[in-house]
mmCIF file of all heavy atoms, coordinates in Angstrom:
data_MODEL
# 
_entry.id   MODEL 
# 
loop_
_atom_site.group_PDB 
_atom_site.id 
_atom_site.type_symbol 
_atom_site.label_atom_id 
_atom_site.label_alt_id 
_atom_site.label_comp_id 
_atom_site.label_asym_id 
_atom_site.label_entity_id 
_atom_site.label_seq_id 
_atom_site.pdbx_PDB_ins_code 
_atom_site.Cartn_x 
_atom_site.Cartn_y 
_atom_site.Cartn_z 
_atom_site.occupancy 
_atom_site.B_iso_or_equiv 
_atom_site.pdbx_formal_charge 
_atom_site.auth_seq_id 
_atom_site.auth_comp_id 
_atom_site.auth_asym_id 
_atom_site.auth_atom_id 
_atom_site.pdbx_PDB_model_num 
ATOM 1   N N   . VAL A 1 1  ? 40.815 138.932 258.508 1.00 0.00 ? 1  VAL A N   1 
ATOM 2   C CA  . VAL A 1 1  ? 42.075 138.689 259.252 1.00 0.00 ? 1  VAL A CA  1 
ATOM 3   C C   . VAL A 1 1  ? 41.862 139.623 260.460 1.00 0.00 ? 1  VAL A C   1 
ATOM 4   O O   . VAL A 1 1  ? 41.613 140.773 260.357 1.00 0.00 ? 1  VAL A O   1 
ATOM 5   C CB  . VAL A 1 1  ? 43.317 139.091 258.504 1.00 0.00 ? 1  VAL A CB  1 
ATOM 6   C CG1 . VAL A 1 1  ? 44.610 138.910 259.351 1.00 0.00 ? 1  VAL A CG1 1 
ATOM 7   C CG2 . VAL A 1 1  ? 43.404 138.133 257.227 1.00 0.00 ? 1  VAL A CG2 1 
ATOM 8   N N   . HIS A 1 2  ? 42.055 138.966 261.632 1.00 0.00 ? 2  HIS A N   1 
ATOM 9   C CA  . HIS A 1 2  ? 41.970 139.762 262.966 1.00 0.00 ? 2  HIS A CA  1 
ATOM 10  C C   . HIS A 1 2  ? 43.343 139.833 263.574 1.00 0.00 ? 2  HIS A C   1 
ATOM 11  O O   . HIS A 1 2  ? 44.011 138.782 263.836 1.00 0.00 ? 2  HIS A O   1 
ATOM 12  C CB  . HIS A 1 2  ? 41.058 138.946 263.967 1.00 0.00 ? 2  HIS A CB  1 
ATOM 13  C CG  . HIS A 1 2  ? 40.873 139.500 265.347 1.00 0.00 ? 2  HIS A CG  1 
ATOM 14  N ND1 . HIS A 1 2  ? 39.924 140.537 265.578 1.00 0.00 ? 2  HIS A ND1 1 
ATOM 15  C CD2 . HIS A 1 2  ? 41.622 139.344 266.393 1.00 0.00 ? 2  HIS A CD2 1 
ATOM 16  C CE1 . HIS A 1 2  ? 40.089 140.712 266.836 1.00 0.00 ? 2  HIS A CE1 1 
ATOM 17  N NE2 . HIS A 1 2  ? 41.110 140.078 267.349 1.00 0.00 ? 2  HIS A NE2 1 
ATOM 18  N N   . LEU A 1 3  ? 43.810 141.046 263.733 1.00 0.00 ? 3  LEU A N   1 
ATOM 19  C CA  . LEU A 1 3  ? 45.233 141.193 264.137 1.00 0.00 ? 3  LEU A CA  1 
ATOM 20  C C   . LEU A 1 3  ? 45.175 142.112 265.413 1.00 0.00 ? 3  LEU A C   1 
ATOM 21  O O   . LEU A 1 3  ? 44.471 143.028 265.594 1.00 0.00 ? 3  LEU A O   1 
ATOM 22  C CB  . LEU A 1 3  ? 45.927 142.179 263.183 1.00 0.00 ? 3  LEU A CB  1 
ATOM 23  C CG  . LEU A 1 3  ? 46.043 141.494 261.725 1.00 0.00 ? 3  LEU A CG  1 
ATOM 24  C CD1 . LEU A 1 3  ? 46.860 142.516 260.789 1.00 0.00 ? 3  LEU A CD1 1 
ATOM 25  C CD2 . LEU A 1 3  ? 46.909 140.207 261.770 1.00 0.00 ? 3  LEU A CD2 1 
ATOM 26  N N   . GLU A 1 4  ? 46.025 141.706 266.383 1.00 0.00 ? 4  GLU A N   1 
ATOM 27  C CA  . GLU A 1 4  ? 46.338 142.465 267.561 1.00 0.00 ? 4  GLU A CA  1 
ATOM 28  C C   . GLU A 1 4  ? 47.672 143.089 267.374 1.00 0.00 ? 4  GLU A C   1 
ATOM 29  O O   . GLU A 1 4  ? 48.696 142.449 267.204 1.00 0.00 ? 4  GLU A O   1 
ATOM 30  C CB  . GLU A 1 4  ? 46.339 141.628 268.896 1.00 0.00 ? 4  GLU A CB  1 
ATOM 31  C CG  . GLU A 1 4  ? 45.028 140.874 269.137 1.00 0.00 ? 4  GLU A CG  1 
ATOM 32  C CD  . GLU A 1 4  ? 43.844 141.925 269.477 1.00 0.00 ? 4  GLU A CD  1 
ATOM 33  O OE1 . GLU A 1 4  ? 44.202 143.037 269.770 1.00 0.00 ? 4  GLU A OE1 1 
ATOM 34  O OE2 . GLU A 1 4  ? 42.680 141.409 269.333 1.00 0.00 ? 4  GLU A OE2 1 
ATOM 35  N N   . THR A 1 5  ? 47.738 144.412 267.248 1.00 0.00 ? 5  THR A N   1 
ATOM 36  C CA  . THR A 1 5  ? 48.898 145.169 266.825 1.00 0.00 ? 5  THR A CA  1 
ATOM 37  C C   . THR A 1 5  ? 49.376 146.083 267.784 1.00 0.00 ? 5  THR A C   1 
ATOM 38  O O   . THR A 1 5  ? 48.652 146.612 268.695 1.00 0.00 ? 5  THR A O   1 
ATOM 39  C CB  . THR A 1 5  ? 48.478 145.911 265.459 1.00 0.00 ? 5  THR A CB  1 
ATOM 40  O OG1 . THR A 1 5  ? 47.751 146.929 265.719 1.00 0.00 ? 5  THR A OG1 1 
ATOM 41  C CG2 . THR A 1 5  ? 47.817 145.036 264.463 1.00 0.00 ? 5  THR A CG2 1 
ATOM 42  N N   . VAL A 1 6  ? 50.687 146.529 267.586 1.00 0.00 ? 6  VAL A N   1 
ATOM 43  C CA  . VAL A 1 6  ? 51.325 147.518 268.408 1.00 0.00 ? 6  VAL A CA  1 
ATOM 44  C C   . VAL A 1 6  ? 52.105 148.447 267.353 1.00 0.00 ? 6  VAL A C   1 
ATOM 45  O O   . VAL A 1 6  ? 52.833 147.840 266.662 1.00 0.00 ? 6  VAL A O   1 
ATOM 46  C CB  . VAL A 1 6  ? 52.206 146.913 269.490 1.00 0.00 ? 6  VAL A CB  1 
ATOM 47  C CG1 . VAL A 1 6  ? 52.846 148.180 270.185 1.00 0.00 ? 6  VAL A CG1 1 
ATOM 48  C CG2 . VAL A 1 6  ? 51.350 146.146 270.448 1.00 0.00 ? 6  VAL A CG2 1 
ATOM 49  N N   . LEU A 1 7  ? 51.891 149.641 267.492 1.00 0.00 ? 7  LEU A N   1 
ATOM 50  C CA  . LEU A 1 7  ? 52.666 150.600 266.655 1.00 0.00 ? 7  LEU A CA  1 
ATOM 51  C C   . LEU A 1 7  ? 53.511 151.516 267.430 1.00 0.00 ? 7  LEU A C   1 
ATOM 52  O O   . LEU A 1 7  ? 53.133 151.859 268.566 1.00 0.00 ? 7  LEU A O   1 
ATOM 53  C CB  . LEU A 1 7  ? 51.747 151.414 265.678 1.00 0.00 ? 7  LEU A CB  1 
ATOM 54  C CG  . LEU A 1 7  ? 50.899 150.590 264.775 1.00 0.00 ? 7  LEU A CG  1 
ATOM 55  C CD1 . LEU A 1 7  ? 49.989 151.668 263.985 1.00 0.00 ? 7  LEU A CD1 1 
ATOM 56  C CD2 . LEU A 1 7  ? 51.571 149.782 263.875 1.00 0.00 ? 7  LEU A CD2 1 
ATOM 57  N N   . ASP A 1 8  ? 54.569 151.966 266.837 1.00 0.00 ? 8  ASP A N   1 
ATOM 58  C CA  . ASP A 1 8  ? 55.433 153.026 267.463 1.00 0.00 ? 8  ASP A CA  1 
ATOM 59  C C   . ASP A 1 8  ? 55.150 154.404 267.031 1.00 0.00 ? 8  ASP A C   1 
ATOM 60  O O   . ASP A 1 8  ? 55.781 155.323 267.539 1.00 0.00 ? 8  ASP A O   1 
ATOM 61  C CB  . ASP A 1 8  ? 57.001 152.653 267.162 1.00 0.00 ? 8  ASP A CB  1 
ATOM 62  C CG  . ASP A 1 8  ? 57.310 151.241 267.588 1.00 0.00 ? 8  ASP A CG  1 
ATOM 63  O OD1 . ASP A 1 8  ? 56.828 150.842 268.732 1.00 0.00 ? 8  ASP A OD1 1 
ATOM 64  O OD2 . ASP A 1 8  ? 58.265 150.728 266.946 1.00 0.00 ? 8  ASP A OD2 1 
ATOM 65  N N   . ALA A 1 9  ? 54.189 154.625 266.198 1.00 0.00 ? 9  ALA A N   1 
ATOM 66  C CA  . ALA A 1 9  ? 53.720 155.841 265.788 1.00 0.00 ? 9  ALA A CA  1 
ATOM 67  C C   . ALA A 1 9  ? 52.279 155.891 265.814 1.00 0.00 ? 9  ALA A C   1 
ATOM 68  O O   . ALA A 1 9  ? 51.460 155.003 266.309 1.00 0.00 ? 9  ALA A O   1 
ATOM 69  C CB  . ALA A 1 9  ? 54.154 155.991 264.201 1.00 0.00 ? 9  ALA A CB  1 
ATOM 70  N N   . THR A 1 10 ? 51.698 157.084 265.371 1.00 0.00 ? 10 THR A N   1 
ATOM 71  C CA  . THR A 1 10 ? 50.221 157.269 265.428 1.00 0.00 ? 10 THR A CA  1 
ATOM 72  C C   . THR A 1 10 ? 49.349 156.740 264.274 1.00 0.00 ? 10 THR A C   1 
ATOM 73  O O   . THR A 1 10 ? 48.292 156.972 264.201 1.00 0.00 ? 10 THR A O   1 
ATOM 74  C CB  . THR A 1 10 ? 49.944 158.847 265.602 1.00 0.00 ? 10 THR A CB  1 
ATOM 75  O OG1 . THR A 1 10 ? 50.394 159.568 264.527 1.00 0.00 ? 10 THR A OG1 1 
ATOM 76  C CG2 . THR A 1 10 ? 50.499 159.406 266.874 1.00 0.00 ? 10 THR A CG2 1 
ATOM 77  N N   . ASP A 1 11 ? 50.082 156.068 263.319 1.00 0.00 ? 11 ASP A N   1 
ATOM 78  C CA  . ASP A 1 11 ? 49.453 155.433 262.277 1.00 0.00 ? 11 ASP A CA  1 
ATOM 79  C C   . ASP A 1 11 ? 50.360 154.345 261.733 1.00 0.00 ? 11 ASP A C   1 
ATOM 80  O O   . ASP A 1 11 ? 51.493 154.369 261.975 1.00 0.00 ? 11 ASP A O   1 
ATOM 81  C CB  . ASP A 1 11 ? 49.026 156.425 261.146 1.00 0.00 ? 11 ASP A CB  1 
ATOM 82  C CG  . ASP A 1 11 ? 47.678 155.960 260.556 1.00 0.00 ? 11 ASP A CG  1 
ATOM 83  O OD1 . ASP A 1 11 ? 47.292 154.794 260.538 1.00 0.00 ? 11 ASP A OD1 1 
ATOM 84  O OD2 . ASP A 1 11 ? 46.984 156.976 259.868 1.00 0.00 ? 11 ASP A OD2 1 
ATOM 85  N N   . GLY A 1 12 ? 49.672 153.519 260.882 1.00 0.00 ? 12 GLY A N   1 
ATOM 86  C CA  . GLY A 1 12 ? 50.421 152.417 260.160 1.00 0.00 ? 12 GLY A CA  1 
ATOM 87  C C   . GLY A 1 12 ? 49.542 151.838 259.120 1.00 0.00 ? 12 GLY A C   1 
ATOM 88  O O   . GLY A 1 12 ? 48.500 152.290 258.823 1.00 0.00 ? 12 GLY A O   1 
ATOM 89  N N   . TYR A 1 13 ? 50.154 150.859 258.383 1.00 0.00 ? 13 TYR A N   1 
ATOM 90  C CA  . TYR A 1 13 ? 49.422 150.351 257.231 1.00 0.00 ? 13 TYR A CA  1 
ATOM 91  C C   . TYR A 1 13 ? 49.637 148.787 257.305 1.00 0.00 ? 13 TYR A C   1 
ATOM 92  O O   . TYR A 1 13 ? 50.808 148.373 257.303 1.00 0.00 ? 13 TYR A O   1 
ATOM 93  C CB  . TYR A 1 13 ? 49.919 150.927 255.905 1.00 0.00 ? 13 TYR A CB  1 
ATOM 94  C CG  . TYR A 1 13 ? 49.031 150.667 254.768 1.00 0.00 ? 13 TYR A CG  1 
ATOM 95  C CD1 . TYR A 1 13 ? 47.839 151.575 254.589 1.00 0.00 ? 13 TYR A CD1 1 
ATOM 96  C CD2 . TYR A 1 13 ? 49.165 149.756 253.763 1.00 0.00 ? 13 TYR A CD2 1 
ATOM 97  C CE1 . TYR A 1 13 ? 47.058 151.470 253.540 1.00 0.00 ? 13 TYR A CE1 1 
ATOM 98  C CE2 . TYR A 1 13 ? 48.369 149.603 252.732 1.00 0.00 ? 13 TYR A CE2 1 
ATOM 99  C CZ  . TYR A 1 13 ? 47.330 150.431 252.448 1.00 0.00 ? 13 TYR A CZ  1 
ATOM 100 O OH  . TYR A 1 13 ? 46.393 150.369 251.472 1.00 0.00 ? 13 TYR A OH  1 
ATOM 101 N N   . TRP A 1 14 ? 48.528 148.014 257.123 1.00 0.00 ? 14 TRP A N   1 
ATOM 102 C CA  . TRP A 1 14 ? 48.651 146.570 257.215 1.00 0.00 ? 14 TRP A CA  1 
ATOM 103 C C   . TRP A 1 14 ? 48.146 146.022 255.941 1.00 0.00 ? 14 TRP A C   1 
ATOM 104 O O   . TRP A 1 14 ? 47.060 146.478 255.453 1.00 0.00 ? 14 TRP A O   1 
ATOM 105 C CB  . TRP A 1 14 ? 47.804 145.997 258.448 1.00 0.00 ? 14 TRP A CB  1 
ATOM 106 C CG  . TRP A 1 14 ? 48.412 146.400 259.794 1.00 0.00 ? 14 TRP A CG  1 
ATOM 107 C CD1 . TRP A 1 14 ? 47.944 147.445 260.617 1.00 0.00 ? 14 TRP A CD1 1 
ATOM 108 C CD2 . TRP A 1 14 ? 49.551 145.726 260.409 1.00 0.00 ? 14 TRP A CD2 1 
ATOM 109 N NE1 . TRP A 1 14 ? 48.791 147.438 261.722 1.00 0.00 ? 14 TRP A NE1 1 
ATOM 110 C CE2 . TRP A 1 14 ? 49.785 146.464 261.631 1.00 0.00 ? 14 TRP A CE2 1 
ATOM 111 C CE3 . TRP A 1 14 ? 50.370 144.722 260.033 1.00 0.00 ? 14 TRP A CE3 1 
ATOM 112 C CZ2 . TRP A 1 14 ? 50.730 146.100 262.686 1.00 0.00 ? 14 TRP A CZ2 1 
ATOM 113 C CZ3 . TRP A 1 14 ? 51.336 144.393 261.002 1.00 0.00 ? 14 TRP A CZ3 1 
ATOM 114 C CH2 . TRP A 1 14 ? 51.593 145.050 262.314 1.00 0.00 ? 14 TRP A CH2 1 
ATOM 115 N N   . ALA A 1 15 ? 48.722 144.921 255.467 1.00 0.00 ? 15 ALA A N   1 
ATOM 116 C CA  . ALA A 1 15 ? 48.311 144.193 254.335 1.00 0.00 ? 15 ALA A CA  1 
ATOM 117 C C   . ALA A 1 15 ? 48.456 142.741 254.631 1.00 0.00 ? 15 ALA A C   1 
ATOM 118 O O   . ALA A 1 15 ? 49.331 142.274 255.375 1.00 0.00 ? 15 ALA A O   1 
ATOM 119 C CB  . ALA A 1 15 ? 49.127 144.574 253.125 1.00 0.00 ? 15 ALA A CB  1 
ATOM 120 N N   . ALA A 1 16 ? 47.571 141.945 254.081 1.00 0.00 ? 16 ALA A N   1 
ATOM 121 C CA  . ALA A 1 16 ? 47.588 140.457 254.224 1.00 0.00 ? 16 ALA A CA  1 
ATOM 122 C C   . ALA A 1 16 ? 47.209 139.749 252.927 1.00 0.00 ? 16 ALA A C   1 
ATOM 123 O O   . ALA A 1 16 ? 46.532 140.169 252.038 1.00 0.00 ? 16 ALA A O   1 
ATOM 124 C CB  . ALA A 1 16 ? 46.773 140.029 255.253 1.00 0.00 ? 16 ALA A CB  1 
ATOM 125 N N   . THR A 1 17 ? 47.778 138.582 252.683 1.00 0.00 ? 17 THR A N   1 
ATOM 126 C CA  . THR A 1 17 ? 47.540 137.687 251.610 1.00 0.00 ? 17 THR A CA  1 
ATOM 127 C C   . THR A 1 17 ? 47.313 136.307 252.170 1.00 0.00 ? 17 THR A C   1 
ATOM 128 O O   . THR A 1 17 ? 48.020 135.876 252.969 1.00 0.00 ? 17 THR A O   1 
ATOM 129 C CB  . THR A 1 17 ? 48.628 137.749 250.572 1.00 0.00 ? 17 THR A CB  1 
ATOM 130 O OG1 . THR A 1 17 ? 49.930 137.080 251.049 1.00 0.00 ? 17 THR A OG1 1 
ATOM 131 C CG2 . THR A 1 17 ? 48.982 139.144 250.118 1.00 0.00 ? 17 THR A CG2 1 
ATOM 132 N N   . LEU A 1 18 ? 46.524 135.641 251.437 1.00 0.00 ? 18 LEU A N   1 
ATOM 133 C CA  . LEU A 1 18 ? 46.265 134.217 251.728 1.00 0.00 ? 18 LEU A CA  1 
ATOM 134 C C   . LEU A 1 18 ? 46.884 133.456 250.517 1.00 0.00 ? 18 LEU A C   1 
ATOM 135 O O   . LEU A 1 18 ? 46.579 133.665 249.344 1.00 0.00 ? 18 LEU A O   1 
ATOM 136 C CB  . LEU A 1 18 ? 44.715 133.928 251.790 1.00 0.00 ? 18 LEU A CB  1 
ATOM 137 C CG  . LEU A 1 18 ? 44.404 132.323 251.949 1.00 0.00 ? 18 LEU A CG  1 
ATOM 138 C CD1 . LEU A 1 18 ? 44.827 131.959 253.413 1.00 0.00 ? 18 LEU A CD1 1 
ATOM 139 C CD2 . LEU A 1 18 ? 42.902 132.060 251.748 1.00 0.00 ? 18 LEU A CD2 1 
ATOM 140 N N   . ASN A 1 19 ? 47.753 132.452 250.802 1.00 0.00 ? 19 ASN A N   1 
ATOM 141 C CA  . ASN A 1 19 ? 48.485 131.791 249.765 1.00 0.00 ? 19 ASN A CA  1 
ATOM 142 C C   . ASN A 1 19 ? 48.467 130.317 249.849 1.00 0.00 ? 19 ASN A C   1 
ATOM 143 O O   . ASN A 1 19 ? 48.213 129.799 250.943 1.00 0.00 ? 19 ASN A O   1 
ATOM 144 C CB  . ASN A 1 19 ? 50.100 132.125 250.054 1.00 0.00 ? 19 ASN A CB  1 
ATOM 145 C CG  . ASN A 1 19 ? 50.358 133.557 249.930 1.00 0.00 ? 19 ASN A CG  1 
ATOM 146 O OD1 . ASN A 1 19 ? 49.572 134.446 249.820 1.00 0.00 ? 19 ASN A OD1 1 
ATOM 147 N ND2 . ASN A 1 19 ? 51.632 134.004 249.995 1.00 0.00 ? 19 ASN A ND2 1 
ATOM 148 N N   . ASP A 1 20 ? 48.587 129.705 248.764 1.00 0.00 ? 20 ASP A N   1 
ATOM 149 C CA  . ASP A 1 20 ? 48.644 128.223 248.519 1.00 0.00 ? 20 ASP A CA  1 
ATOM 150 C C   . ASP A 1 20 ? 50.147 127.828 248.381 1.00 0.00 ? 20 ASP A C   1 
ATOM 151 O O   . ASP A 1 20 ? 50.733 128.271 247.401 1.00 0.00 ? 20 ASP A O   1 
ATOM 152 C CB  . ASP A 1 20 ? 47.767 127.761 247.332 1.00 0.00 ? 20 ASP A CB  1 
ATOM 153 C CG  . ASP A 1 20 ? 47.952 126.349 247.004 1.00 0.00 ? 20 ASP A CG  1 
ATOM 154 O OD1 . ASP A 1 20 ? 48.773 125.598 247.642 1.00 0.00 ? 20 ASP A OD1 1 
ATOM 155 O OD2 . ASP A 1 20 ? 47.332 125.944 246.045 1.00 0.00 ? 20 ASP A OD2 1 
ATOM 156 N N   . VAL A 1 21 ? 50.691 127.125 249.352 1.00 0.00 ? 21 VAL A N   1 
ATOM 157 C CA  . VAL A 1 21 ? 52.134 126.706 249.265 1.00 0.00 ? 21 VAL A CA  1 
ATOM 158 C C   . VAL A 1 21 ? 52.213 125.389 248.766 1.00 0.00 ? 21 VAL A C   1 
ATOM 159 O O   . VAL A 1 21 ? 51.906 124.406 249.359 1.00 0.00 ? 21 VAL A O   1 
ATOM 160 C CB  . VAL A 1 21 ? 52.759 126.933 250.677 1.00 0.00 ? 21 VAL A CB  1 
ATOM 161 C CG1 . VAL A 1 21 ? 54.325 126.537 250.490 1.00 0.00 ? 21 VAL A CG1 1 
ATOM 162 C CG2 . VAL A 1 21 ? 52.610 128.294 251.219 1.00 0.00 ? 21 VAL A CG2 1 
ATOM 163 N N   . ALA A 1 22 ? 52.864 125.242 247.479 1.00 0.00 ? 22 ALA A N   1 
ATOM 164 C CA  . ALA A 1 22 ? 52.990 123.881 246.949 1.00 0.00 ? 22 ALA A CA  1 
ATOM 165 C C   . ALA A 1 22 ? 54.174 123.087 247.652 1.00 0.00 ? 22 ALA A C   1 
ATOM 166 O O   . ALA A 1 22 ? 55.085 123.730 248.355 1.00 0.00 ? 22 ALA A O   1 
ATOM 167 C CB  . ALA A 1 22 ? 53.359 124.087 245.518 1.00 0.00 ? 22 ALA A CB  1 
ATOM 168 N N   . PRO A 1 23 ? 54.320 121.833 247.508 1.00 0.00 ? 23 PRO A N   1 
ATOM 169 C CA  . PRO A 1 23 ? 55.362 120.963 248.127 1.00 0.00 ? 23 PRO A CA  1 
ATOM 170 C C   . PRO A 1 23 ? 56.705 121.532 247.778 1.00 0.00 ? 23 PRO A C   1 
ATOM 171 O O   . PRO A 1 23 ? 57.670 121.258 248.489 1.00 0.00 ? 23 PRO A O   1 
ATOM 172 C CB  . PRO A 1 23 ? 55.121 119.610 247.647 1.00 0.00 ? 23 PRO A CB  1 
ATOM 173 C CG  . PRO A 1 23 ? 53.692 119.540 247.419 1.00 0.00 ? 23 PRO A CG  1 
ATOM 174 C CD  . PRO A 1 23 ? 53.250 120.912 247.012 1.00 0.00 ? 23 PRO A CD  1 
ATOM 175 N N   . ASP A 1 24 ? 56.955 122.088 246.580 1.00 0.00 ? 24 ASP A N   1 
ATOM 176 C CA  . ASP A 1 24 ? 58.104 122.560 246.018 1.00 0.00 ? 24 ASP A CA  1 
ATOM 177 C C   . ASP A 1 24 ? 58.531 123.939 246.653 1.00 0.00 ? 24 ASP A C   1 
ATOM 178 O O   . ASP A 1 24 ? 59.546 124.579 246.436 1.00 0.00 ? 24 ASP A O   1 
ATOM 179 C CB  . ASP A 1 24 ? 58.239 122.697 244.650 1.00 0.00 ? 24 ASP A CB  1 
ATOM 180 C CG  . ASP A 1 24 ? 57.342 123.651 243.946 1.00 0.00 ? 24 ASP A CG  1 
ATOM 181 O OD1 . ASP A 1 24 ? 56.626 124.328 244.539 1.00 0.00 ? 24 ASP A OD1 1 
ATOM 182 O OD2 . ASP A 1 24 ? 57.252 123.651 242.684 1.00 0.00 ? 24 ASP A OD2 1 
ATOM 183 N N   . GLY A 1 25 ? 57.681 124.565 247.454 1.00 0.00 ? 25 GLY A N   1 
ATOM 184 C CA  . GLY A 1 25 ? 57.838 125.765 248.117 1.00 0.00 ? 25 GLY A CA  1 
ATOM 185 C C   . GLY A 1 25 ? 57.293 127.050 247.539 1.00 0.00 ? 25 GLY A C   1 
ATOM 186 O O   . GLY A 1 25 ? 57.144 128.093 248.020 1.00 0.00 ? 25 GLY A O   1 
ATOM 187 N N   . ARG A 1 26 ? 56.725 126.860 246.123 1.00 0.00 ? 26 ARG A N   1 
ATOM 188 C CA  . ARG A 1 26 ? 56.057 127.960 245.644 1.00 0.00 ? 26 ARG A CA  1 
ATOM 189 C C   . ARG A 1 26 ? 54.908 128.505 246.380 1.00 0.00 ? 26 ARG A C   1 
ATOM 190 O O   . ARG A 1 26 ? 54.033 127.675 246.731 1.00 0.00 ? 26 ARG A O   1 
ATOM 191 C CB  . ARG A 1 26 ? 55.758 127.599 244.225 1.00 0.00 ? 26 ARG A CB  1 
ATOM 192 C CG  . ARG A 1 26 ? 54.911 128.740 243.405 1.00 0.00 ? 26 ARG A CG  1 
ATOM 193 C CD  . ARG A 1 26 ? 54.700 128.503 242.029 1.00 0.00 ? 26 ARG A CD  1 
ATOM 194 N NE  . ARG A 1 26 ? 55.924 128.741 241.206 1.00 0.00 ? 26 ARG A NE  1 
ATOM 195 C CZ  . ARG A 1 26 ? 55.929 128.975 239.951 1.00 0.00 ? 26 ARG A CZ  1 
ATOM 196 N NH1 . ARG A 1 26 ? 54.821 129.095 239.270 1.00 0.00 ? 26 ARG A NH1 1 
ATOM 197 N NH2 . ARG A 1 26 ? 57.063 129.177 239.391 1.00 0.00 ? 26 ARG A NH2 1 
ATOM 198 N N   . SER A 1 27 ? 54.837 129.712 246.518 1.00 0.00 ? 27 SER A N   1 
ATOM 199 C CA  . SER A 1 27 ? 53.760 130.484 247.291 1.00 0.00 ? 27 SER A CA  1 
ATOM 200 C C   . SER A 1 27 ? 52.908 131.203 246.414 1.00 0.00 ? 27 SER A C   1 
ATOM 201 O O   . SER A 1 27 ? 53.334 132.245 245.979 1.00 0.00 ? 27 SER A O   1 
ATOM 202 C CB  . SER A 1 27 ? 54.353 131.228 248.502 1.00 0.00 ? 27 SER A CB  1 
ATOM 203 O OG  . SER A 1 27 ? 53.420 131.882 249.234 1.00 0.00 ? 27 SER A OG  1 
ATOM 204 N N   . THR A 1 28 ? 51.735 130.826 246.265 1.00 0.00 ? 28 THR A N   1 
ATOM 205 C CA  . THR A 1 28 ? 50.848 131.557 245.234 1.00 0.00 ? 28 THR A CA  1 
ATOM 206 C C   . THR A 1 28 ? 49.696 132.280 245.960 1.00 0.00 ? 28 THR A C   1 
ATOM 207 O O   . THR A 1 28 ? 48.896 131.538 246.720 1.00 0.00 ? 28 THR A O   1 
ATOM 208 C CB  . THR A 1 28 ? 50.202 130.483 244.189 1.00 0.00 ? 28 THR A CB  1 
ATOM 209 O OG1 . THR A 1 28 ? 51.266 129.755 243.616 1.00 0.00 ? 28 THR A OG1 1 
ATOM 210 C CG2 . THR A 1 28 ? 49.413 131.144 243.231 1.00 0.00 ? 28 THR A CG2 1 
# 
């Protein structure tokens, strides 16, 4: 995952998930 970010502090923490979203809305 390639992110262009802006922080208001001198550090931060990023996390990402890849999900499969079913037609009923469930996100796995």
